[in-house]
Amino acid sequence: MFFYQSDESVMSIMEVQAESDMISNYIEMYHLAPAKYMNQKHWLAVPADVVYEMENGRIS
């Protein structure tokens, strides 16, 4: 996992690793973006608040 503060806003972004064949599905289903700094075939950029909501069962 890779964490950074977005330049465009005050949003904190986490880059998380995922299976390469699932990246496009996650981008489409959860409106995520490809990673900015890591290999885009294996990493997603996820807002930190979304990660928090997923961990607390608010997003499944």
C-alpha atoms as a PDB file:
ATOM      1  CA  MET A   1       0.000   0.000   0.000  1.00  0.00           C
ATOM      2  CA  PHE A   2       1.236   3.469  -0.903  1.00  0.00           C
ATOM      3  CA  PHE A   3      -0.198   6.657   0.660  1.00  0.00           C
ATOM      4  CA  TYR A   4       0.030  10.257  -0.585  1.00  0.00           C
ATOM      5  CA  GLN A   5      -1.774  13.596  -0.419  1.00  0.00           C
ATOM      6  CA  SER A   6      -3.370  14.497  -3.734  1.00  0.00           C
ATOM      7  CA  ASP A   7      -2.002  17.652  -5.403  1.00  0.00           C
ATOM      8  CA  GLU A   8      -5.370  18.538  -6.936  1.00  0.00           C
ATOM      9  CA  SER A   9      -7.317  18.642  -3.669  1.00  0.00           C
ATOM     10  CA  VAL A  10      -7.108  18.011   0.028  1.00  0.00           C
ATOM     11  CA  MET A  11      -8.028  14.373  -0.517  1.00  0.00           C
ATOM     12  CA  SER A  12      -5.740  11.653   0.802  1.00  0.00           C
ATOM     13  CA  ILE A  13      -5.152   8.827  -1.639  1.00  0.00           C
ATOM     14  CA  MET A  14      -4.043   5.269  -0.999  1.00  0.00           C
ATOM     15  CA  GLU A  15      -2.685   3.138  -3.791  1.00  0.00           C
ATOM     16  CA  VAL A  16      -3.642  -0.472  -3.213  1.00  0.00           C
ATOM     17  CA  GLN A  17      -2.522  -3.557  -5.047  1.00  0.00           C
ATOM     18  CA  ALA A  18      -5.088  -5.736  -6.806  1.00  0.00           C
ATOM     19  CA  GLU A  19      -5.153  -8.621  -9.247  1.00  0.00           C
ATOM     20  CA  SER A  20      -4.382  -7.263 -12.692  1.00  0.00           C
ATOM     21  CA  ASP A  21      -7.429  -8.898 -14.294  1.00  0.00           C
ATOM     22  CA  MET A  22      -9.727  -7.172 -11.753  1.00  0.00           C
ATOM     23  CA  ILE A  23      -8.364  -3.600 -12.029  1.00  0.00           C
ATOM     24  CA  SER A  24     -10.760  -2.495 -14.788  1.00  0.00           C
ATOM     25  CA  ASN A  25     -13.715  -4.039 -12.923  1.00  0.00           C
ATOM     26  CA  TYR A  26     -12.874  -2.143  -9.726  1.00  0.00           C
ATOM     27  CA  ILE A  27     -12.434   1.101 -11.647  1.00  0.00           C
ATOM     28  CA  GLU A  28     -15.853   0.689 -13.247  1.00  0.00           C
ATOM     29  CA  MET A  29     -17.773  -0.683 -10.231  1.00  0.00           C
ATOM     30  CA  TYR A  30     -16.399   1.673  -7.579  1.00  0.00           C
ATOM     31  CA  HIS A  31     -15.494   4.695  -9.756  1.00  0.00           C
ATOM     32  CA  LEU A  32     -11.817   4.438  -8.829  1.00  0.00           C
ATOM     33  CA  ALA A  33      -8.770   5.501 -10.797  1.00  0.00           C
ATOM     34  CA  PRO A  34      -5.605   3.748 -11.916  1.00  0.00           C
ATOM     35  CA  ALA A  35      -2.606   4.351  -9.698  1.00  0.00           C
ATOM     36  CA  LYS A  36      -0.640   7.539 -10.228  1.00  0.00           C
ATOM     37  CA  TYR A  37       2.787   6.440  -8.983  1.00  0.00           C
ATOM     38  CA  MET A  38       2.746   2.630  -9.043  1.00  0.00           C
ATOM     39  CA  ASN A  39       2.338   0.185 -11.941  1.00  0.00           C
ATOM     40  CA  GLN A  40      -1.183   0.795 -13.263  1.00  0.00           C
ATOM     41  CA  LYS A  41      -1.608  -2.870 -14.219  1.00  0.00           C
ATOM     42  CA  HIS A  42      -1.495  -3.935 -10.570  1.00  0.00           C
ATOM     43  CA  TRP A  43      -2.395  -0.858  -8.485  1.00  0.00           C
ATOM     44  CA  LEU A  44      -5.476   1.354  -7.925  1.00  0.00           C
ATOM     45  CA  ALA A  45      -5.786   4.851  -6.480  1.00  0.00           C
ATOM     46  CA  VAL A  46      -8.433   4.801  -3.761  1.00  0.00           C
ATOM     47  CA  PRO A  47      -9.499   7.798  -1.673  1.00  0.00           C
ATOM     48  CA  ALA A  48      -8.639   7.132   1.981  1.00  0.00           C
ATOM     49  CA  ASP A  49     -12.214   7.796   3.107  1.00  0.00           C
ATOM     50  CA  VAL A  50     -13.466   5.029   0.780  1.00  0.00           C
ATOM     51  CA  VAL A  51     -10.945   2.608   2.304  1.00  0.00           C
ATOM     52  CA  TYR A  52     -12.221   3.567   5.763  1.00  0.00           C
ATOM     53  CA  GLU A  53     -15.857   2.992   4.717  1.00  0.00           C
ATOM     54  CA  MET A  54     -14.967  -0.394   3.178  1.00  0.00           C
ATOM     55  CA  GLU A  55     -13.165  -1.494   6.354  1.00  0.00           C
ATOM     56  CA  ASN A  56     -16.173  -0.511   8.473  1.00  0.00           C
ATOM     57  CA  GLY A  57     -18.717  -2.341   6.313  1.00  0.00           C
ATOM     58  CA  ARG A  58     -20.326   0.714   4.785  1.00  0.00           C
ATOM     59  CA  ILE A  59     -19.302  -0.315   1.253  1.00  0.00           C
ATOM     60  CA  SER A  60     -19.369  -3.932   0.143  1.00  0.00           C
END
